[in-house]
Amino acid sequence: MRIGLVLGEGQEATQAKLAEAHGLFGVIAGWGDPLTAVNAAIYASTATEFVRVVTRLRLGLEHPVTIAEELSILDNVNNGRTIVLADTGELTPESATDEIAVLREALSSRPIQHAGPDWKVPAGLPANATAPTSISVTPKPAQLEVAFWVTGAVAEEVGAASGLPVLAREPRRLTKPKLVEPGVVSISGRLKPDRELVTKWAEAGVTHLFVELPPGANLDETMRMVSRYLAPEVLMPHFPRVMSESKVPLPWPGDAHNKK
């Protein structure tokens, strides 16, 4: 299971850079305010080189082709590291599925010609009788196919209709797991309960888990714990001392030797 980080609002660049330095898979931008998600993702992208940048995008607020153009620019800024987390917002399952379809078609690097229950692209208005029968988003995204995940009130229905991964909020057992099963969880900053929590997610079949740091956490210390001790693949047979409730992370067993 890969570990990622939910970025704090206004701290996207700093926290994304720290996540990359600790070898995390990716980061989520726009978690607190999806309205500024693309800008937040740009801050995270320009501060990093390798981590995937998941952009939480609220559906139903702008024309999907306009949003696709912004996402395409973002994908060029970060050289193809964008993942779109489509938040269904207040849309119905049918409307959310249709809007995601337009977004995916617009980001496919091919001309768009879409006729769904809510969206028709191009619009084909009488005043535009001479308009082309298809349009294209410019610039083209850096990726051949931009990955989409789904979250929100009707995410389960949209995921079932579109076949897209749904962001899990609870570590329930997956009966028919996909190749990608993302999840998000808030951690306490204490090793033992956080380790047990992350292990439950791994046992449930989640492939990519994003952790939300506790308020007021010391970034350096907490990220050190996340990267060194929370990955389920890291065995922890014993430690030189027990972590206290002061939320101070344990030293890495080899630190004392390395300092000699």
C-alpha atoms as a PDB file:
ATOM      1  CA  MET A   1       0.000   0.000   0.000  1.00  0.00           C
ATOM      2  CA  ARG A   2       1.278   3.460  -0.909  1.00  0.00           C
ATOM      3  CA  ILE A   3       1.087   6.340   1.552  1.00  0.00           C
ATOM      4  CA  GLY A   4       0.212   9.905   0.576  1.00  0.00           C
ATOM      5  CA  LEU A   5      -0.487  13.194   2.344  1.00  0.00           C
ATOM      6  CA  VAL A   6      -3.537  15.476   2.497  1.00  0.00           C
ATOM      7  CA  LEU A   7      -2.138  19.000   2.118  1.00  0.00           C
ATOM      8  CA  GLY A   8      -3.181  21.701   4.549  1.00  0.00           C
ATOM      9  CA  GLU A   9      -4.811  24.808   3.086  1.00  0.00           C
ATOM     10  CA  GLY A  10      -2.215  27.517   2.494  1.00  0.00           C
ATOM     11  CA  GLN A  11       0.645  25.071   3.103  1.00  0.00           C
ATOM     12  CA  GLU A  12       0.530  23.204  -0.189  1.00  0.00           C
ATOM     13  CA  ALA A  13       4.041  23.976  -1.410  1.00  0.00           C
ATOM     14  CA  THR A  14       5.762  23.398   1.945  1.00  0.00           C
ATOM     15  CA  GLN A  15       3.948  20.184   2.784  1.00  0.00           C
ATOM     16  CA  ALA A  16       4.176  18.757  -0.743  1.00  0.00           C
ATOM     17  CA  LYS A  17       7.935  19.332  -0.758  1.00  0.00           C
ATOM     18  CA  LEU A  18       8.197  17.612   2.623  1.00  0.00           C
ATOM     19  CA  ALA A  19       6.080  14.680   1.426  1.00  0.00           C
ATOM     20  CA  GLU A  20       8.382  14.206  -1.546  1.00  0.00           C
ATOM     21  CA  ALA A  21      11.479  14.407   0.656  1.00  0.00           C
ATOM     22  CA  HIS A  22      10.045  11.581   2.767  1.00  0.00           C
ATOM     23  CA  GLY A  23       9.342   9.398  -0.259  1.00  0.00           C
ATOM     24  CA  LEU A  24       5.528   9.519  -0.162  1.00  0.00           C
ATOM     25  CA  PHE A  25       3.583   8.478  -3.246  1.00  0.00           C
ATOM     26  CA  GLY A  26       1.461  11.596  -3.677  1.00  0.00           C
ATOM     27  CA  VAL A  27      -0.481  14.490  -2.163  1.00  0.00           C
ATOM     28  CA  ILE A  28      -4.074  15.725  -2.249  1.00  0.00           C
ATOM     29  CA  ALA A  29      -4.585  19.439  -2.983  1.00  0.00           C
ATOM     30  CA  GLY A  30      -7.848  21.324  -2.436  1.00  0.00           C
ATOM     31  CA  TRP A  31      -9.079  19.081   0.369  1.00  0.00           C
ATOM     32  CA  GLY A  32     -10.250  21.999   2.495  1.00  0.00           C
ATOM     33  CA  ASP A  33     -11.582  24.185  -0.331  1.00  0.00           C
ATOM     34  CA  PRO A  34     -12.200  22.466  -3.682  1.00  0.00           C
ATOM     35  CA  LEU A  35     -12.897  25.876  -5.252  1.00  0.00           C
ATOM     36  CA  THR A  36      -9.169  26.661  -5.122  1.00  0.00           C
ATOM     37  CA  ALA A  37      -8.016  23.093  -5.850  1.00  0.00           C
ATOM     38  CA  VAL A  38      -6.315  23.769  -9.193  1.00  0.00           C
ATOM     39  CA  ASN A  39      -4.322  26.709  -7.818  1.00  0.00           C
ATOM     40  CA  ALA A  40      -3.400  24.667  -4.737  1.00  0.00           C
ATOM     41  CA  ALA A  41      -2.296  21.822  -7.011  1.00  0.00           C
ATOM     42  CA  ILE A  42      -0.119  24.217  -9.021  1.00  0.00           C
ATOM     43  CA  TYR A  43       1.631  25.340  -5.812  1.00  0.00           C
ATOM     44  CA  ALA A  44       2.246  21.690  -4.889  1.00  0.00           C
ATOM     45  CA  SER A  45       3.405  20.872  -8.415  1.00  0.00           C
ATOM     46  CA  THR A  46       5.950  23.663  -8.730  1.00  0.00           C
ATOM     47  CA  ALA A  47       7.499  22.703  -5.363  1.00  0.00           C
ATOM     48  CA  THR A  48       8.005  19.039  -6.315  1.00  0.00           C
ATOM     49  CA  GLU A  49       9.307  16.807  -9.086  1.00  0.00           C
ATOM     50  CA  PHE A  50       8.036  13.294  -8.483  1.00  0.00           C
ATOM     51  CA  VAL A  51       4.957  12.991  -6.239  1.00  0.00           C
ATOM     52  CA  ARG A  52       1.564  12.537  -7.873  1.00  0.00           C
ATOM     53  CA  VAL A  53      -0.706  15.533  -7.343  1.00  0.00           C
ATOM     54  CA  VAL A  54      -4.328  14.605  -6.660  1.00  0.00           C
ATOM     55  CA  THR A  55      -6.644  17.559  -7.310  1.00  0.00           C
ATOM     56  CA  ARG A  56     -10.008  17.540  -5.543  1.00  0.00           C
ATOM     57  CA  LEU A  57     -12.379  19.082  -8.065  1.00  0.00           C
ATOM     58  CA  ARG A  58     -15.964  20.050  -7.196  1.00  0.00           C
ATOM     59  CA  LEU A  59     -18.358  19.208 -10.043  1.00  0.00           C
ATOM     60  CA  GLY A  60     -21.332  21.321 -11.065  1.00  0.00           C
ATOM     61  CA  LEU A  61     -19.718  24.738 -10.673  1.00  0.00           C
ATOM     62  CA  GLU A  62     -18.225  25.492 -14.111  1.00  0.00           C
ATOM     63  CA  HIS A  63     -18.494  24.245 -17.671  1.00  0.00           C
ATOM     64  CA  PRO A  64     -16.534  20.965 -17.787  1.00  0.00           C
ATOM     65  CA  VAL A  65     -14.606  21.975 -20.911  1.00  0.00           C
ATOM     66  CA  THR A  66     -13.363  25.102 -19.114  1.00  0.00           C
ATOM     67  CA  ILE A  67     -12.309  22.962 -16.139  1.00  0.00           C
ATOM     68  CA  ALA A  68     -10.607  20.518 -18.515  1.00  0.00           C
ATOM     69  CA  GLU A  69      -8.502  23.345 -19.936  1.00  0.00           C
ATOM     70  CA  GLU A  70      -7.351  24.297 -16.418  1.00  0.00           C
ATOM     71  CA  LEU A  71      -6.544  20.673 -15.614  1.00  0.00           C
ATOM     72  CA  SER A  72      -4.624  20.322 -18.862  1.00  0.00           C
ATOM     73  CA  ILE A  73      -2.470  23.333 -17.977  1.00  0.00           C
ATOM     74  CA  LEU A  74      -1.885  21.820 -14.523  1.00  0.00           C
ATOM     75  CA  ASP A  75      -0.847  18.505 -16.082  1.00  0.00           C
ATOM     76  CA  ASN A  76       1.707  20.303 -18.224  1.00  0.00           C
ATOM     77  CA  VAL A  77       3.017  22.239 -15.221  1.00  0.00           C
ATOM     78  CA  ASN A  78       3.715  19.041 -13.279  1.00  0.00           C
ATOM     79  CA  ASN A  79       4.805  17.007 -16.306  1.00  0.00           C
ATOM     80  CA  GLY A  80       1.994  14.447 -16.185  1.00  0.00           C
ATOM     81  CA  ARG A  81       1.580  13.904 -12.436  1.00  0.00           C
ATOM     82  CA  THR A  82      -2.086  14.928 -12.156  1.00  0.00           C
ATOM     83  CA  ILE A  83      -4.845  12.733 -10.741  1.00  0.00           C
ATOM     84  CA  VAL A  84      -8.359  14.209 -10.671  1.00  0.00           C
ATOM     85  CA  LEU A  85     -10.485  13.519  -7.587  1.00  0.00           C
ATOM     86  CA  ALA A  86     -13.968  14.401  -8.837  1.00  0.00           C
ATOM     87  CA  ASP A  87     -16.222  15.526  -5.975  1.00  0.00           C
ATOM     88  CA  THR A  88     -19.848  14.966  -6.992  1.00  0.00           C
ATOM     89  CA  GLY A  89     -21.003  17.884  -4.828  1.00  0.00           C
ATOM     90  CA  GLU A  90     -24.772  18.354  -5.038  1.00  0.00           C
ATOM     91  CA  LEU A  91     -25.198  16.625  -8.405  1.00  0.00           C
ATOM     92  CA  THR A  92     -27.304  13.556  -9.018  1.00  0.00           C
ATOM     93  CA  PRO A  93     -25.512  10.346 -10.012  1.00  0.00           C
ATOM     94  CA  GLU A  94     -26.598  10.816 -13.635  1.00  0.00           C
ATOM     95  CA  SER A  95     -25.434  14.440 -13.820  1.00  0.00           C
ATOM     96  CA  ALA A  96     -22.112  13.695 -12.105  1.00  0.00           C
ATOM     97  CA  THR A  97     -21.473  10.731 -14.407  1.00  0.00           C
ATOM     98  CA  ASP A  98     -22.204  12.873 -17.473  1.00  0.00           C
ATOM     99  CA  GLU A  99     -19.935  15.714 -16.338  1.00  0.00           C
ATOM    100  CA  ILE A 100     -17.069  13.314 -15.605  1.00  0.00           C
ATOM    101  CA  ALA A 101     -17.552  11.805 -19.061  1.00  0.00           C
ATOM    102  CA  VAL A 102     -17.134  15.254 -20.653  1.00  0.00           C
ATOM    103  CA  LEU A 103     -14.029  15.951 -18.575  1.00  0.00           C
ATOM    104  CA  ARG A 104     -12.424  12.638 -19.510  1.00  0.00           C
ATOM    105  CA  GLU A 105     -13.221  13.094 -23.193  1.00  0.00           C
ATOM    106  CA  ALA A 106     -11.864  16.647 -23.124  1.00  0.00           C
ATOM    107  CA  LEU A 107      -8.606  15.420 -21.557  1.00  0.00           C
ATOM    108  CA  SER A 108      -8.185  12.517 -23.965  1.00  0.00           C
ATOM    109  CA  SER A 109      -6.157  14.576 -26.507  1.00  0.00           C
ATOM    110  CA  ARG A 110      -8.838  13.863 -29.116  1.00  0.00           C
ATOM    111  CA  PRO A 111     -11.599  16.104 -30.551  1.00  0.00           C
ATOM    112  CA  ILE A 112     -14.703  16.159 -28.351  1.00  0.00           C
ATOM    113  CA  GLN A 113     -18.177  15.358 -29.597  1.00  0.00           C
ATOM    114  CA  HIS A 114     -20.421  14.600 -26.637  1.00  0.00           C
ATOM    115  CA  ALA A 115     -24.204  14.335 -26.329  1.00  0.00           C
ATOM    116  CA  GLY A 116     -25.297  13.344 -22.818  1.00  0.00           C
ATOM    117  CA  PRO A 117     -28.318  13.938 -20.580  1.00  0.00           C
ATOM    118  CA  ASP A 118     -26.885  17.229 -19.264  1.00  0.00           C
ATOM    119  CA  TRP A 119     -24.067  18.255 -21.565  1.00  0.00           C
ATOM    120  CA  LYS A 120     -23.748  18.591 -25.319  1.00  0.00           C
ATOM    121  CA  VAL A 121     -20.318  19.490 -26.698  1.00  0.00           C
ATOM    122  CA  PRO A 122     -20.205  21.435 -28.959  1.00  0.00           C
ATOM    123  CA  ALA A 123     -23.459  23.033 -27.854  1.00  0.00           C
ATOM    124  CA  GLY A 124     -24.903  23.189 -31.382  1.00  0.00           C
ATOM    125  CA  LEU A 125     -26.909  26.342 -30.752  1.00  0.00           C
ATOM    126  CA  PRO A 126     -28.839  27.836 -33.711  1.00  0.00           C
ATOM    127  CA  ALA A 127     -26.660  30.956 -33.522  1.00  0.00           C
ATOM    128  CA  ASN A 128     -23.614  28.758 -34.077  1.00  0.00           C
ATOM    129  CA  ALA A 129     -24.780  27.043 -37.227  1.00  0.00           C
ATOM    130  CA  THR A 130     -21.344  27.366 -38.808  1.00  0.00           C
ATOM    131  CA  ALA A 131     -19.464  26.095 -35.724  1.00  0.00           C
ATOM    132  CA  PRO A 132     -17.451  22.849 -36.014  1.00  0.00           C
ATOM    133  CA  THR A 133     -19.018  19.538 -35.024  1.00  0.00           C
ATOM    134  CA  SER A 134     -16.210  18.829 -32.556  1.00  0.00           C
ATOM    135  CA  ILE A 135     -13.797  20.875 -30.466  1.00  0.00           C
ATOM    136  CA  SER A 136     -10.437  20.260 -28.775  1.00  0.00           C
ATOM    137  CA  VAL A 137      -8.923  21.387 -25.498  1.00  0.00           C
ATOM    138  CA  THR A 138      -5.629  23.255 -25.714  1.00  0.00           C
ATOM    139  CA  PRO A 139      -2.999  22.727 -24.560  1.00  0.00           C
ATOM    140  CA  LYS A 140      -3.106  18.936 -24.615  1.00  0.00           C
ATOM    141  CA  PRO A 141      -2.423  17.299 -21.228  1.00  0.00           C
ATOM    142  CA  ALA A 142       1.020  15.811 -20.723  1.00  0.00           C
ATOM    143  CA  GLN A 143      -0.478  12.381 -20.011  1.00  0.00           C
ATOM    144  CA  LEU A 144      -2.150  10.246 -22.637  1.00  0.00           C
ATOM    145  CA  GLU A 145      -4.877   9.548 -20.079  1.00  0.00           C
ATOM    146  CA  VAL A 146      -5.450  11.506 -16.871  1.00  0.00           C
ATOM    147  CA  ALA A 147      -6.529   9.267 -13.984  1.00  0.00           C
ATOM    148  CA  PHE A 148      -9.897  10.001 -12.332  1.00  0.00           C
ATOM    149  CA  TRP A 149     -11.095   9.027  -8.854  1.00  0.00           C
ATOM    150  CA  VAL A 150     -14.503   9.860  -7.338  1.00  0.00           C
ATOM    151  CA  THR A 151     -15.664  11.182  -3.966  1.00  0.00           C
ATOM    152  CA  GLY A 152     -18.821  12.831  -2.630  1.00  0.00           C
ATOM    153  CA  ALA A 153     -22.364  11.963  -1.646  1.00  0.00           C
ATOM    154  CA  VAL A 154     -23.169   9.910  -4.756  1.00  0.00           C
ATOM    155  CA  ALA A 155     -19.653   8.634  -5.410  1.00  0.00           C
ATOM    156  CA  GLU A 156     -20.609   4.970  -5.030  1.00  0.00           C
ATOM    157  CA  GLU A 157     -23.280   5.220  -7.737  1.00  0.00           C
ATOM    158  CA  VAL A 158     -20.985   7.189 -10.051  1.00  0.00           C
ATOM    159  CA  GLY A 159     -18.137   4.755  -9.503  1.00  0.00           C
ATOM    160  CA  ALA A 160     -20.398   1.804 -10.317  1.00  0.00           C
ATOM    161  CA  ALA A 161     -21.627   3.500 -13.503  1.00  0.00           C
ATOM    162  CA  SER A 162     -18.228   4.685 -14.729  1.00  0.00           C
ATOM    163  CA  GLY A 163     -15.912   2.013 -13.354  1.00  0.00           C
ATOM    164  CA  LEU A 164     -13.782   4.656 -11.614  1.00  0.00           C
ATOM    165  CA  PRO A 165     -12.127   4.160  -8.198  1.00  0.00           C
ATOM    166  CA  VAL A 166     -14.068   5.616  -5.255  1.00  0.00           C
ATOM    167  CA  LEU A 167     -12.181   7.308  -2.423  1.00  0.00           C
ATOM    168  CA  ALA A 168     -12.964   5.302   0.729  1.00  0.00           C
ATOM    169  CA  ARG A 169     -13.522   6.957   4.109  1.00  0.00           C
ATOM    170  CA  GLU A 170     -13.745   3.732   6.136  1.00  0.00           C
ATOM    171  CA  PRO A 171     -11.503   0.630   5.933  1.00  0.00           C
ATOM    172  CA  ARG A 172     -14.245  -1.795   4.947  1.00  0.00           C
ATOM    173  CA  ARG A 173     -13.421  -5.052   3.225  1.00  0.00           C
ATOM    174  CA  LEU A 174     -13.538  -4.776  -0.568  1.00  0.00           C
ATOM    175  CA  THR A 175     -15.460  -7.612  -2.219  1.00  0.00           C
ATOM    176  CA  LYS A 176     -14.395  -6.861  -5.788  1.00  0.00           C
ATOM    177  CA  PRO A 177     -11.241  -4.729  -5.524  1.00  0.00           C
ATOM    178  CA  LYS A 178      -9.989  -2.743  -8.507  1.00  0.00           C
ATOM    179  CA  LEU A 179      -6.345  -2.251  -9.402  1.00  0.00           C
ATOM    180  CA  VAL A 180      -6.550   1.124  -7.647  1.00  0.00           C
ATOM    181  CA  GLU A 181      -8.481   1.516  -4.383  1.00  0.00           C
ATOM    182  CA  PRO A 182      -7.744   4.904  -2.741  1.00  0.00           C
ATOM    183  CA  GLY A 183      -8.637   5.916   0.797  1.00  0.00           C
ATOM    184  CA  VAL A 184      -8.183   8.837   3.184  1.00  0.00           C
ATOM    185  CA  VAL A 185      -7.860   8.844   6.979  1.00  0.00           C
ATOM    186  CA  SER A 186      -7.026  11.284   9.786  1.00  0.00           C
ATOM    187  CA  ILE A 187      -4.174  10.198  12.038  1.00  0.00           C
ATOM    188  CA  SER A 188      -3.526  11.155  15.655  1.00  0.00           C
ATOM    189  CA  GLY A 189       0.261  11.554  15.548  1.00  0.00           C
ATOM    190  CA  ARG A 190       0.730   8.655  18.013  1.00  0.00           C
ATOM    191  CA  LEU A 191       2.589   5.670  16.675  1.00  0.00           C
ATOM    192  CA  LYS A 192       0.710   2.677  18.055  1.00  0.00           C
ATOM    193  CA  PRO A 193      -2.893   3.694  17.239  1.00  0.00           C
ATOM    194  CA  ASP A 194      -1.861   5.146  13.886  1.00  0.00           C
ATOM    195  CA  ARG A 195       0.056   2.003  12.989  1.00  0.00           C
ATOM    196  CA  GLU A 196      -2.958  -0.159  13.878  1.00  0.00           C
ATOM    197  CA  LEU A 197      -5.262   2.123  11.878  1.00  0.00           C
ATOM    198  CA  VAL A 198      -3.123   2.050   8.736  1.00  0.00           C
ATOM    199  CA  THR A 199      -2.768  -1.731   9.006  1.00  0.00           C
ATOM    200  CA  LYS A 200      -6.579  -2.061   8.984  1.00  0.00           C
ATOM    201  CA  TRP A 201      -6.694  -0.106   5.733  1.00  0.00           C
ATOM    202  CA  ALA A 202      -4.038  -2.318   4.186  1.00  0.00           C
ATOM    203  CA  GLU A 203      -5.878  -5.473   5.258  1.00  0.00           C
ATOM    204  CA  ALA A 204      -9.088  -4.094   3.710  1.00  0.00           C
ATOM    205  CA  GLY A 205      -7.394  -3.945   0.289  1.00  0.00           C
ATOM    206  CA  VAL A 206      -6.770  -0.206  -0.074  1.00  0.00           C
ATOM    207  CA  THR A 207      -3.858   0.454  -2.444  1.00  0.00           C
ATOM    208  CA  HIS A 208      -3.286   4.201  -1.907  1.00  0.00           C
ATOM    209  CA  LEU A 209      -3.934   5.728   1.524  1.00  0.00           C
ATOM    210  CA  PHE A 210      -3.714   9.487   2.112  1.00  0.00           C
ATOM    211  CA  VAL A 211      -3.252  10.612   5.702  1.00  0.00           C
ATOM    212  CA  GLU A 212      -4.521  13.882   7.146  1.00  0.00           C
ATOM    213  CA  LEU A 213      -2.219  15.232   9.849  1.00  0.00           C
ATOM    214  CA  PRO A 214      -3.577  16.265  13.267  1.00  0.00           C
ATOM    215  CA  PRO A 215      -4.036  20.000  13.880  1.00  0.00           C
ATOM    216  CA  GLY A 216      -0.903  21.694  15.162  1.00  0.00           C
ATOM    217  CA  ALA A 217       1.321  18.732  14.364  1.00  0.00           C
ATOM    218  CA  ASN A 218       5.058  19.233  14.140  1.00  0.00           C
ATOM    219  CA  LEU A 219       5.519  18.606  10.434  1.00  0.00           C
ATOM    220  CA  ASP A 220       9.067  17.290  10.533  1.00  0.00           C
ATOM    221  CA  GLU A 221       8.456  14.893  13.420  1.00  0.00           C
ATOM    222  CA  THR A 222       5.062  13.656  12.227  1.00  0.00           C
ATOM    223  CA  MET A 223       6.205  13.138   8.653  1.00  0.00           C
ATOM    224  CA  ARG A 224       9.187  11.219   9.961  1.00  0.00           C
ATOM    225  CA  MET A 225       6.799   8.879  11.755  1.00  0.00           C
ATOM    226  CA  VAL A 226       4.556   8.538   8.695  1.00  0.00           C
ATOM    227  CA  SER A 227       7.345   7.691   6.282  1.00  0.00           C
ATOM    228  CA  ARG A 228       9.374   5.444   8.586  1.00  0.00           C
ATOM    229  CA  TYR A 229       6.781   3.577  10.619  1.00  0.00           C
ATOM    230  CA  LEU A 230       3.291   3.701   9.116  1.00  0.00           C
ATOM    231  CA  ALA A 231       3.887   1.884   5.826  1.00  0.00           C
ATOM    232  CA  PRO A 232       2.517  -1.644   6.461  1.00  0.00           C
ATOM    233  CA  GLU A 233       5.530  -3.154   4.725  1.00  0.00           C
ATOM    234  CA  VAL A 234       7.814  -1.820   7.485  1.00  0.00           C
ATOM    235  CA  LEU A 235       8.260  -4.490  10.172  1.00  0.00           C
ATOM    236  CA  MET A 236       8.390  -3.295  13.768  1.00  0.00           C
ATOM    237  CA  PRO A 237       9.505  -6.222  15.965  1.00  0.00           C
ATOM    238  CA  HIS A 238      10.847  -4.033  18.763  1.00  0.00           C
ATOM    239  CA  PHE A 239      11.924  -0.502  19.585  1.00  0.00           C
ATOM    240  CA  PRO A 240      14.559   0.973  21.877  1.00  0.00           C
ATOM    241  CA  ARG A 241      11.852   2.772  23.857  1.00  0.00           C
ATOM    242  CA  VAL A 242       8.093   3.202  23.803  1.00  0.00           C
ATOM    243  CA  MET A 243       6.576   6.272  22.241  1.00  0.00           C
ATOM    244  CA  SER A 244       5.096   8.544  24.886  1.00  0.00           C
ATOM    245  CA  GLU A 245       1.726  10.233  24.700  1.00  0.00           C
ATOM    246  CA  SER A 246       3.543  13.506  24.011  1.00  0.00           C
ATOM    247  CA  LYS A 247       3.383  12.548  20.306  1.00  0.00           C
ATOM    248  CA  VAL A 248       7.180  12.568  19.978  1.00  0.00           C
ATOM    249  CA  PRO A 249       8.122  10.005  17.320  1.00  0.00           C
ATOM    250  CA  LEU A 250      10.505   7.172  18.021  1.00  0.00           C
ATOM    251  CA  PRO A 251      14.066   7.425  16.791  1.00  0.00           C
ATOM    252  CA  TRP A 252      14.976   5.224  13.878  1.00  0.00           C
ATOM    253  CA  PRO A 253      16.823   2.173  15.324  1.00  0.00           C
ATOM    254  CA  GLY A 254      19.951   2.986  13.337  1.00  0.00           C
ATOM    255  CA  ASP A 255      20.122   6.681  14.201  1.00  0.00           C
ATOM    256  CA  ALA A 256      22.369   6.278  17.234  1.00  0.00           C
ATOM    257  CA  HIS A 257      24.827   4.176  15.251  1.00  0.00           C
ATOM    258  CA  ASN A 258      24.807   6.580  12.314  1.00  0.00           C
ATOM    259  CA  LYS A 259      25.671   9.529  14.554  1.00  0.00           C
ATOM    260  CA  LYS A 260      28.861   7.872  15.823  1.00  0.00           C
END
